[in-house]
Amino acid sequence: MGTTIKTKKEFDAVKFQREVRAKISKEIMDMTPDQIIEYFNRKNFKEKILPST
């Protein structure tokens, strides 16, 4: 008891979420609130966002 087997993660969801958030933050950083709303209304969220490996 107490033995733990660690496996290597193939996908780190937290890292991926942080990368996407940083990318979006960088894109909208200099926009006005109205521009940000328009950005998200026009953004195609169906596009594939792939995690970096």
PDB file of N, CA and C in Angstrom:
ATOM      1  N   MET A   1       0.833  -1.182   0.000  1.00  0.00           N
ATOM      2  CA  MET A   1       0.000   0.000   0.000  1.00  0.00           C
ATOM      3  C   MET A   1       0.879   1.247   0.000  1.00  0.00           C
ATOM      4  N   GLY A   2       0.352   2.318  -0.542  1.00  0.00           N
ATOM      5  CA  GLY A   2       1.098   3.551  -0.572  1.00  0.00           C
ATOM      6  C   GLY A   2       2.020   3.670  -1.768  1.00  0.00           C
ATOM      7  N   THR A   3       2.106   2.650  -2.594  1.00  0.00           N
ATOM      8  CA  THR A   3       2.944   2.719  -3.784  1.00  0.00           C
ATOM      9  C   THR A   3       2.165   3.403  -4.896  1.00  0.00           C
ATOM     10  N   THR A   4       2.798   4.402  -5.500  1.00  0.00           N
ATOM     11  CA  THR A   4       2.159   5.145  -6.572  1.00  0.00           C
ATOM     12  C   THR A   4       2.971   4.981  -7.843  1.00  0.00           C
ATOM     13  N   ILE A   5       2.285   4.707  -8.904  1.00  0.00           N
ATOM     14  CA  ILE A   5       2.937   4.592 -10.209  1.00  0.00           C
ATOM     15  C   ILE A   5       2.593   5.845 -11.004  1.00  0.00           C
ATOM     16  N   LYS A   6       3.618   6.565 -11.431  1.00  0.00           N
ATOM     17  CA  LYS A   6       3.397   7.775 -12.224  1.00  0.00           C
ATOM     18  C   LYS A   6       3.591   7.455 -13.698  1.00  0.00           C
ATOM     19  N   THR A   7       2.708   8.002 -14.498  1.00  0.00           N
ATOM     20  CA  THR A   7       2.847   7.861 -15.943  1.00  0.00           C
ATOM     21  C   THR A   7       3.088   9.240 -16.534  1.00  0.00           C
ATOM     22  N   LYS A   8       3.755   9.274 -17.664  1.00  0.00           N
ATOM     23  CA  LYS A   8       4.034  10.542 -18.329  1.00  0.00           C
ATOM     24  C   LYS A   8       2.761  11.044 -19.000  1.00  0.00           C
ATOM     25  N   LYS A   9       2.443  12.310 -18.741  1.00  0.00           N
ATOM     26  CA  LYS A   9       1.281  12.925 -19.366  1.00  0.00           C
ATOM     27  C   LYS A   9       1.573  13.156 -20.842  1.00  0.00           C
ATOM     28  N   GLU A  10       0.633  12.799 -21.670  1.00  0.00           N
ATOM     29  CA  GLU A  10       0.778  13.096 -23.092  1.00  0.00           C
ATOM     30  C   GLU A  10       0.139  14.431 -23.420  1.00  0.00           C
ATOM     31  N   PHE A  11      -0.816  14.854 -22.610  1.00  0.00           N
ATOM     32  CA  PHE A  11      -1.501  16.121 -22.830  1.00  0.00           C
ATOM     33  C   PHE A  11      -1.690  16.799 -21.480  1.00  0.00           C
ATOM     34  N   ASP A  12      -1.188  18.005 -21.353  1.00  0.00           N
ATOM     35  CA  ASP A  12      -1.314  18.773 -20.123  1.00  0.00           C
ATOM     36  C   ASP A  12      -2.379  19.841 -20.347  1.00  0.00           C
ATOM     37  N   ALA A  13      -3.577  19.588 -19.840  1.00  0.00           N
ATOM     38  CA  ALA A  13      -4.714  20.477 -20.073  1.00  0.00           C
ATOM     39  C   ALA A  13      -4.492  21.856 -19.463  1.00  0.00           C
ATOM     40  N   VAL A  14      -3.883  21.924 -18.302  1.00  0.00           N
ATOM     41  CA  VAL A  14      -3.653  23.213 -17.652  1.00  0.00           C
ATOM     42  C   VAL A  14      -2.683  24.055 -18.478  1.00  0.00           C
ATOM     43  N   LYS A  15      -1.618  23.437 -18.940  1.00  0.00           N
ATOM     44  CA  LYS A  15      -0.640  24.149 -19.768  1.00  0.00           C
ATOM     45  C   LYS A  15      -1.305  24.649 -21.057  1.00  0.00           C
ATOM     46  N   PHE A  16      -2.107  23.802 -21.671  1.00  0.00           N
ATOM     47  CA  PHE A  16      -2.797  24.158 -22.905  1.00  0.00           C
ATOM     48  C   PHE A  16      -3.745  25.341 -22.675  1.00  0.00           C
ATOM     49  N   GLN A  17      -4.503  25.305 -21.606  1.00  0.00           N
ATOM     50  CA  GLN A  17      -5.446  26.368 -21.287  1.00  0.00           C
ATOM     51  C   GLN A  17      -4.705  27.683 -21.067  1.00  0.00           C
ATOM     52  N   ARG A  18      -3.578  27.627 -20.394  1.00  0.00           N
ATOM     53  CA  ARG A  18      -2.786  28.836 -20.154  1.00  0.00           C
ATOM     54  C   ARG A  18      -2.215  29.402 -21.444  1.00  0.00           C
ATOM     55  N   GLU A  19      -1.795  28.537 -22.359  1.00  0.00           N
ATOM     56  CA  GLU A  19      -1.265  28.992 -23.648  1.00  0.00           C
ATOM     57  C   GLU A  19      -2.341  29.699 -24.462  1.00  0.00           C
ATOM     58  N   VAL A  20      -3.547  29.122 -24.482  1.00  0.00           N
ATOM     59  CA  VAL A  20      -4.645  29.718 -25.244  1.00  0.00           C
ATOM     60  C   VAL A  20      -5.043  31.053 -24.625  1.00  0.00           C
ATOM     61  N   ARG A  21      -5.128  31.102 -23.315  1.00  0.00           N
ATOM     62  CA  ARG A  21      -5.494  32.346 -22.629  1.00  0.00           C
ATOM     63  C   ARG A  21      -4.460  33.435 -22.902  1.00  0.00           C
ATOM     64  N   ALA A  22      -3.177  33.085 -22.883  1.00  0.00           N
ATOM     65  CA  ALA A  22      -2.125  34.060 -23.144  1.00  0.00           C
ATOM     66  C   ALA A  22      -2.214  34.584 -24.576  1.00  0.00           C
ATOM     67  N   LYS A  23      -2.505  33.692 -25.523  1.00  0.00           N
ATOM     68  CA  LYS A  23      -2.619  34.089 -26.930  1.00  0.00           C
ATOM     69  C   LYS A  23      -3.772  35.069 -27.119  1.00  0.00           C
ATOM     70  N   ILE A  24      -4.931  34.759 -26.535  1.00  0.00           N
ATOM     71  CA  ILE A  24      -6.090  35.640 -26.664  1.00  0.00           C
ATOM     72  C   ILE A  24      -5.830  36.973 -25.962  1.00  0.00           C
ATOM     73  N   SER A  25      -5.240  36.925 -24.778  1.00  0.00           N
ATOM     74  CA  SER A  25      -4.945  38.154 -24.039  1.00  0.00           C
ATOM     75  C   SER A  25      -4.037  39.074 -24.836  1.00  0.00           C
ATOM     76  N   LYS A  26      -3.047  38.485 -25.498  1.00  0.00           N
ATOM     77  CA  LYS A  26      -2.116  39.270 -26.313  1.00  0.00           C
ATOM     78  C   LYS A  26      -2.842  39.922 -27.494  1.00  0.00           C
ATOM     79  N   GLU A  27      -3.779  39.176 -28.093  1.00  0.00           N
ATOM     80  CA  GLU A  27      -4.510  39.698 -29.247  1.00  0.00           C
ATOM     81  C   GLU A  27      -5.452  40.840 -28.873  1.00  0.00           C
ATOM     82  N   ILE A  28      -6.046  40.803 -27.687  1.00  0.00           N
ATOM     83  CA  ILE A  28      -7.049  41.805 -27.327  1.00  0.00           C
ATOM     84  C   ILE A  28      -6.526  42.888 -26.384  1.00  0.00           C
ATOM     85  N   MET A  29      -5.253  42.843 -26.041  1.00  0.00           N
ATOM     86  CA  MET A  29      -4.731  43.737 -25.001  1.00  0.00           C
ATOM     87  C   MET A  29      -4.918  45.222 -25.301  1.00  0.00           C
ATOM     88  N   ASP A  30      -4.845  45.634 -26.542  1.00  0.00           N
ATOM     89  CA  ASP A  30      -4.956  47.055 -26.871  1.00  0.00           C
ATOM     90  C   ASP A  30      -6.324  47.434 -27.432  1.00  0.00           C
ATOM     91  N   MET A  31      -7.298  46.559 -27.300  1.00  0.00           N
ATOM     92  CA  MET A  31      -8.633  46.830 -27.842  1.00  0.00           C
ATOM     93  C   MET A  31      -9.518  47.522 -26.808  1.00  0.00           C
ATOM     94  N   THR A  32     -10.475  48.272 -27.322  1.00  0.00           N
ATOM     95  CA  THR A  32     -11.482  48.882 -26.458  1.00  0.00           C
ATOM     96  C   THR A  32     -12.502  47.795 -26.092  1.00  0.00           C
ATOM     97  N   PRO A  33     -13.314  48.027 -25.074  1.00  0.00           N
ATOM     98  CA  PRO A  33     -14.340  47.030 -24.729  1.00  0.00           C
ATOM     99  C   PRO A  33     -15.258  46.679 -25.906  1.00  0.00           C
ATOM    100  N   ASP A  34     -15.627  47.676 -26.704  1.00  0.00           N
ATOM    101  CA  ASP A  34     -16.475  47.395 -27.871  1.00  0.00           C
ATOM    102  C   ASP A  34     -15.743  46.538 -28.901  1.00  0.00           C
ATOM    103  N   GLN A  35     -14.450  46.789 -29.096  1.00  0.00           N
ATOM    104  CA  GLN A  35     -13.661  45.984 -30.031  1.00  0.00           C
ATOM    105  C   GLN A  35     -13.520  44.546 -29.535  1.00  0.00           C
ATOM    106  N   ILE A  36     -13.388  44.382 -28.244  1.00  0.00           N
ATOM    107  CA  ILE A  36     -13.271  43.034 -27.665  1.00  0.00           C
ATOM    108  C   ILE A  36     -14.555  42.255 -27.887  1.00  0.00           C
ATOM    109  N   ILE A  37     -15.691  42.908 -27.684  1.00  0.00           N
ATOM    110  CA  ILE A  37     -16.979  42.246 -27.926  1.00  0.00           C
ATOM    111  C   ILE A  37     -17.084  41.827 -29.384  1.00  0.00           C
ATOM    112  N   GLU A  38     -16.713  42.721 -30.288  1.00  0.00           N
ATOM    113  CA  GLU A  38     -16.750  42.412 -31.720  1.00  0.00           C
ATOM    114  C   GLU A  38     -15.793  41.270 -32.059  1.00  0.00           C
ATOM    115  N   TYR A  39     -14.623  41.266 -31.446  1.00  0.00           N
ATOM    116  CA  TYR A  39     -13.631  40.209 -31.654  1.00  0.00           C
ATOM    117  C   TYR A  39     -14.236  38.846 -31.336  1.00  0.00           C
ATOM    118  N   PHE A  40     -14.877  38.732 -30.180  1.00  0.00           N
ATOM    119  CA  PHE A  40     -15.450  37.444 -29.786  1.00  0.00           C
ATOM    120  C   PHE A  40     -16.695  37.097 -30.590  1.00  0.00           C
ATOM    121  N   ASN A  41     -17.422  38.092 -31.052  1.00  0.00           N
ATOM    122  CA  ASN A  41     -18.581  37.814 -31.910  1.00  0.00           C
ATOM    123  C   ASN A  41     -18.153  37.295 -33.278  1.00  0.00           C
ATOM    124  N   ARG A  42     -17.019  37.790 -33.783  1.00  0.00           N
ATOM    125  CA  ARG A  42     -16.543  37.373 -35.104  1.00  0.00           C
ATOM    126  C   ARG A  42     -15.629  36.165 -35.069  1.00  0.00           C
ATOM    127  N   LYS A  43     -15.042  35.891 -33.916  1.00  0.00           N
ATOM    128  CA  LYS A  43     -14.060  34.803 -33.799  1.00  0.00           C
ATOM    129  C   LYS A  43     -14.720  33.468 -34.138  1.00  0.00           C
ATOM    130  N   ASN A  44     -14.040  32.704 -34.957  1.00  0.00           N
ATOM    131  CA  ASN A  44     -14.540  31.377 -35.335  1.00  0.00           C
ATOM    132  C   ASN A  44     -13.994  30.367 -34.331  1.00  0.00           C
ATOM    133  N   PHE A  45     -14.761  30.062 -33.311  1.00  0.00           N
ATOM    134  CA  PHE A  45     -14.293  29.157 -32.274  1.00  0.00           C
ATOM    135  C   PHE A  45     -14.300  27.693 -32.722  1.00  0.00           C
ATOM    136  N   LYS A  46     -14.759  27.459 -33.937  1.00  0.00           N
ATOM    137  CA  LYS A  46     -14.732  26.097 -34.452  1.00  0.00           C
ATOM    138  C   LYS A  46     -13.377  25.760 -35.069  1.00  0.00           C
ATOM    139  N   GLU A  47     -12.518  26.778 -35.221  1.00  0.00           N
ATOM    140  CA  GLU A  47     -11.205  26.506 -35.782  1.00  0.00           C
ATOM    141  C   GLU A  47     -10.428  25.625 -34.815  1.00  0.00           C
ATOM    142  N   LYS A  48      -9.572  24.839 -35.348  1.00  0.00           N
ATOM    143  CA  LYS A  48      -8.804  23.901 -34.518  1.00  0.00           C
ATOM    144  C   LYS A  48      -7.708  24.627 -33.780  1.00  0.00           C
ATOM    145  N   ILE A  49      -7.682  24.448 -32.495  1.00  0.00           N
ATOM    146  CA  ILE A  49      -6.606  24.958 -31.663  1.00  0.00           C
ATOM    147  C   ILE A  49      -5.897  23.725 -31.126  1.00  0.00           C
ATOM    148  N   LEU A  50      -4.673  23.536 -31.567  1.00  0.00           N
ATOM    149  CA  LEU A  50      -3.923  22.354 -31.174  1.00  0.00           C
ATOM    150  C   LEU A  50      -2.895  22.706 -30.108  1.00  0.00           C
ATOM    151  N   PRO A  51      -2.758  21.856 -29.129  1.00  0.00           N
ATOM    152  CA  PRO A  51      -1.765  22.114 -28.085  1.00  0.00           C
ATOM    153  C   PRO A  51      -0.355  21.956 -28.619  1.00  0.00           C
ATOM    154  N   SER A  52       0.558  22.722 -28.036  1.00  0.00           N
ATOM    155  CA  SER A  52       1.954  22.534 -28.408  1.00  0.00           C
ATOM    156  C   SER A  52       2.488  21.301 -27.700  1.00  0.00           C
ATOM    157  N   THR A  53       3.439  20.653 -28.302  1.00  0.00           N
ATOM    158  CA  THR A  53       3.980  19.440 -27.680  1.00  0.00           C
ATOM    159  C   THR A  53       5.436  19.609 -27.367  1.00  0.00           C
TER     160      THR A  53
END
